[in-house]
Amino acid sequence: MIRAFDILFSAIGLIVLSPLMLLVWLLCWFDTRRPLFRQERVGRNQKPFVLVKFRTMRPDTTSVASHLADSSAITPLGRFLRRTKIDELPQLWNVLRGQMSLVGPRPCLLNQHELISEREAYGVFGVRPGITGLAQIQGIEMSTPELLAITDAKMLKSMNVFVYFRYIFLTMIGKGAGDRVREKAS
């Protein structure tokens, strides 16, 4: 049932939001000359896939988890895209392709071994990773692997159609912080 909603809403989203996505693509092209960011992530059953987002950091930025990234690498446009979560829109393509769900645990990087171990222990990899979920709404980030895995497992145990729509709604109204990059201490 949830997969049917994923297909329906990602297809509608890609169609309806295509003018906005084209505009953002153009703005990102002028901003960095490389509007899309592609990164290999851990998917369902730990199968790697390529996640697609709008670029929010300079193209020469080291590819690390957001909480480890240098905040000075984020462009002014990128700050806006992250704050509004518009940078996530290209992931609708990942959802339509079956690599992700609209709701699920955020996909981690292949080198986040501690998080992968914790998620494996809590059985989180049995589902598609998501664009949003309980951890994102609660502001839990990947820098706390055990808490994140526990929260992901809690979400999966309570997942139903109502919860699915609730997390989407809460994300759309701005609940949660998105992928946070820590500011450098001065």
Protein backbone atom coordinates (compact mmCIF):
# COMPACT_ATOMS: atom_id res chain seq x y z
CA MET A 1 0.00 0.00 0.00
CA ILE A 2 2.76 2.47 0.97
CA ARG A 3 4.70 1.68 -2.21
CA ALA A 4 1.58 2.55 -4.25
CA PHE A 5 1.41 5.93 -2.47
CA ASP A 6 5.14 6.44 -3.10
CA ILE A 7 4.69 5.84 -6.84
CA LEU A 8 1.58 8.00 -7.09
CA PHE A 9 2.89 10.96 -5.07
CA SER A 10 6.41 10.94 -6.52
CA ALA A 11 5.01 10.88 -10.08
CA ILE A 12 2.55 13.68 -9.31
CA GLY A 13 5.27 15.60 -7.46
CA LEU A 14 7.70 15.33 -10.37
CA ILE A 15 5.04 16.58 -12.79
CA VAL A 16 3.54 19.35 -10.65
CA LEU A 17 6.87 20.55 -9.25
CA SER A 18 8.78 20.35 -12.54
CA PRO A 19 8.57 24.14 -13.18
CA LEU A 20 9.97 24.83 -9.69
CA MET A 21 12.62 22.14 -10.13
CA LEU A 22 13.65 23.61 -13.48
CA LEU A 23 13.95 27.07 -11.91
CA VAL A 24 16.02 25.70 -9.01
CA TRP A 25 18.17 23.72 -11.46
CA LEU A 26 18.90 26.96 -13.36
CA LEU A 27 19.65 28.90 -10.16
CA CYS A 28 21.96 26.13 -9.00
CA TRP A 29 23.67 26.10 -12.38
CA PHE A 30 24.42 29.82 -12.06
CA ASP A 31 25.46 29.27 -8.44
CA THR A 32 27.87 26.33 -8.85
CA ARG A 33 27.76 25.27 -12.54
CA ARG A 34 26.87 21.79 -11.24
CA PRO A 35 23.22 21.89 -10.15
CA LEU A 36 22.76 18.26 -9.15
CA PHE A 37 24.57 16.45 -6.38
CA ARG A 38 24.90 12.68 -6.66
CA GLN A 39 26.16 10.53 -3.84
CA GLU A 40 26.24 6.80 -3.26
CA ARG A 41 24.15 5.82 -0.23
CA VAL A 42 23.11 2.65 1.58
CA GLY A 43 19.66 1.48 0.54
CA ARG A 44 17.25 -1.32 1.33
CA ASN A 45 19.03 -4.54 2.34
CA GLN A 46 22.24 -2.47 2.34
CA LYS A 47 22.25 -2.29 -1.45
CA PRO A 48 24.04 0.88 -2.61
CA PHE A 49 22.22 3.39 -4.81
CA VAL A 50 22.90 6.90 -6.09
CA LEU A 51 20.90 9.58 -4.29
CA VAL A 52 20.19 12.79 -6.23
CA LYS A 53 19.69 16.25 -4.66
CA PHE A 54 20.12 19.84 -5.69
CA ARG A 55 23.65 20.98 -4.93
CA THR A 56 23.88 23.19 -1.84
CA MET A 57 27.67 23.21 -1.39
CA ARG A 58 30.56 24.19 -3.59
CA PRO A 59 31.42 21.38 -6.03
CA ASP A 60 34.95 20.93 -4.58
CA THR A 61 33.58 20.11 -1.11
CA THR A 62 34.67 16.80 0.41
CA SER A 63 31.88 14.23 0.33
CA VAL A 64 31.12 13.56 4.00
CA ALA A 65 28.03 13.31 6.19
CA SER A 66 26.36 16.71 6.66
CA HIS A 67 27.26 16.98 10.34
CA LEU A 68 30.95 16.64 9.40
CA ALA A 69 30.88 19.12 6.50
CA ASP A 70 32.39 22.59 6.66
CA SER A 71 29.58 25.14 6.94
CA SER A 72 31.55 27.64 4.87
CA ALA A 73 31.13 25.31 1.86
CA ILE A 74 27.38 26.00 1.72
CA THR A 75 26.44 28.62 -0.84
CA PRO A 76 23.88 31.34 0.01
CA LEU A 77 21.40 29.67 -2.35
CA GLY A 78 22.26 26.33 -0.74
CA ARG A 79 21.34 27.67 2.71
CA PHE A 80 17.91 28.64 1.40
CA LEU A 81 17.42 25.30 -0.36
CA ARG A 82 18.35 23.38 2.80
CA ARG A 83 16.17 25.51 5.08
CA THR A 84 13.13 25.04 2.81
CA LYS A 85 14.05 21.41 2.01
CA ILE A 86 13.76 22.19 -1.71
CA ASP A 87 17.17 20.55 -2.19
CA GLU A 88 15.43 17.21 -1.53
CA LEU A 89 12.99 17.41 -4.48
CA PRO A 90 15.13 15.45 -6.99
CA GLN A 91 14.87 12.47 -4.63
CA LEU A 92 11.32 12.05 -5.92
CA TRP A 93 13.09 10.37 -8.86
CA ASN A 94 14.76 7.95 -6.41
CA VAL A 95 11.32 7.24 -4.92
CA LEU A 96 9.71 6.65 -8.31
CA ARG A 97 12.53 4.25 -9.24
CA GLY A 98 11.95 2.23 -6.06
CA GLN A 99 15.28 3.07 -4.43
CA MET A 100 13.63 5.19 -1.74
CA SER A 101 10.28 5.87 -0.09
CA LEU A 102 8.80 9.22 0.82
CA VAL A 103 8.94 8.09 4.47
CA GLY A 104 11.68 5.95 5.95
CA PRO A 105 15.11 6.12 7.56
CA ARG A 106 17.39 8.66 5.86
CA PRO A 107 19.96 6.80 3.72
CA CYS A 108 23.46 6.92 5.15
CA LEU A 109 26.82 6.99 3.44
CA LEU A 110 28.68 3.76 2.78
CA ASN A 111 31.51 4.87 5.10
CA GLN A 112 29.26 5.48 8.14
CA HIS A 113 30.18 2.09 9.60
CA GLU A 114 28.94 2.76 13.15
CA LEU A 115 25.51 3.86 11.89
CA ILE A 116 25.33 0.90 9.50
CA SER A 117 26.12 -1.49 12.38
CA GLU A 118 23.50 0.09 14.64
CA ARG A 119 20.85 0.04 11.92
CA GLU A 120 21.70 -3.56 11.12
CA ALA A 121 21.29 -4.48 14.81
CA TYR A 122 17.85 -2.83 14.91
CA GLY A 123 16.65 -4.30 11.59
CA VAL A 124 16.32 -0.94 9.84
CA PHE A 125 17.69 -2.05 6.47
CA GLY A 126 14.64 -4.17 5.67
CA VAL A 127 12.84 -1.13 4.25
CA ARG A 128 13.55 1.50 1.62
CA PRO A 129 15.27 4.61 2.99
CA GLY A 130 13.14 7.73 2.97
CA ILE A 131 13.19 11.42 2.23
CA THR A 132 11.72 12.09 5.66
CA GLY A 133 10.88 10.20 8.80
CA LEU A 134 10.58 10.36 12.57
CA ALA A 135 14.26 11.16 13.14
CA GLN A 136 14.14 14.11 10.73
CA ILE A 137 10.98 15.50 12.31
CA GLN A 138 12.55 15.20 15.76
CA GLY A 139 15.83 16.78 14.59
CA ILE A 140 17.94 13.67 15.22
CA GLU A 141 20.94 13.62 12.94
CA MET A 142 23.48 11.03 11.84
CA SER A 143 26.05 12.16 14.43
CA THR A 144 24.18 10.07 17.03
CA PRO A 145 24.15 6.62 15.38
CA GLU A 146 22.56 4.58 18.20
CA LEU A 147 19.80 7.14 18.88
CA LEU A 148 19.14 7.43 15.15
CA ALA A 149 18.90 3.64 14.70
CA ILE A 150 16.59 3.32 17.72
CA THR A 151 14.38 6.13 16.39
CA ASP A 152 14.30 4.57 12.92
CA ALA A 153 13.30 1.20 14.39
CA LYS A 154 10.59 2.87 16.50
CA MET A 155 9.22 4.56 13.37
CA LEU A 156 9.17 1.29 11.44
CA LYS A 157 7.30 -0.54 14.22
CA SER A 158 4.57 2.11 14.23
CA MET A 159 4.42 2.63 10.45
CA ASN A 160 0.98 2.66 8.89
CA VAL A 161 -0.81 4.83 6.35
CA PHE A 162 -1.76 7.44 8.97
CA VAL A 163 1.85 7.74 10.22
CA TYR A 164 3.12 7.90 6.62
CA PHE A 165 0.88 10.88 5.84
CA ARG A 166 1.57 12.49 9.21
CA TYR A 167 5.35 12.54 8.62
CA ILE A 168 4.89 13.93 5.11
CA PHE A 169 2.56 16.65 6.44
CA LEU A 170 4.90 17.58 9.30
CA THR A 171 7.81 17.81 6.87
CA MET A 172 5.83 19.98 4.46
CA ILE A 173 4.92 22.47 7.20
CA GLY A 174 8.58 22.78 8.20
CA LYS A 175 8.95 20.44 11.16
CA GLY A 176 12.55 19.27 11.56
CA ALA A 177 15.78 20.88 10.51
CA GLY A 178 16.78 18.99 7.39
CA ASP A 179 20.41 18.01 6.91
CA ARG A 180 22.26 20.19 9.37
CA VAL A 181 25.80 21.34 8.89
CA ARG A 182 27.42 22.46 12.10
CA GLU A 183 28.71 26.01 12.19
CA LYS A 184 32.42 26.34 12.87
CA ALA A 185 33.31 27.48 16.35
CA SER A 186 34.85 30.93 16.30
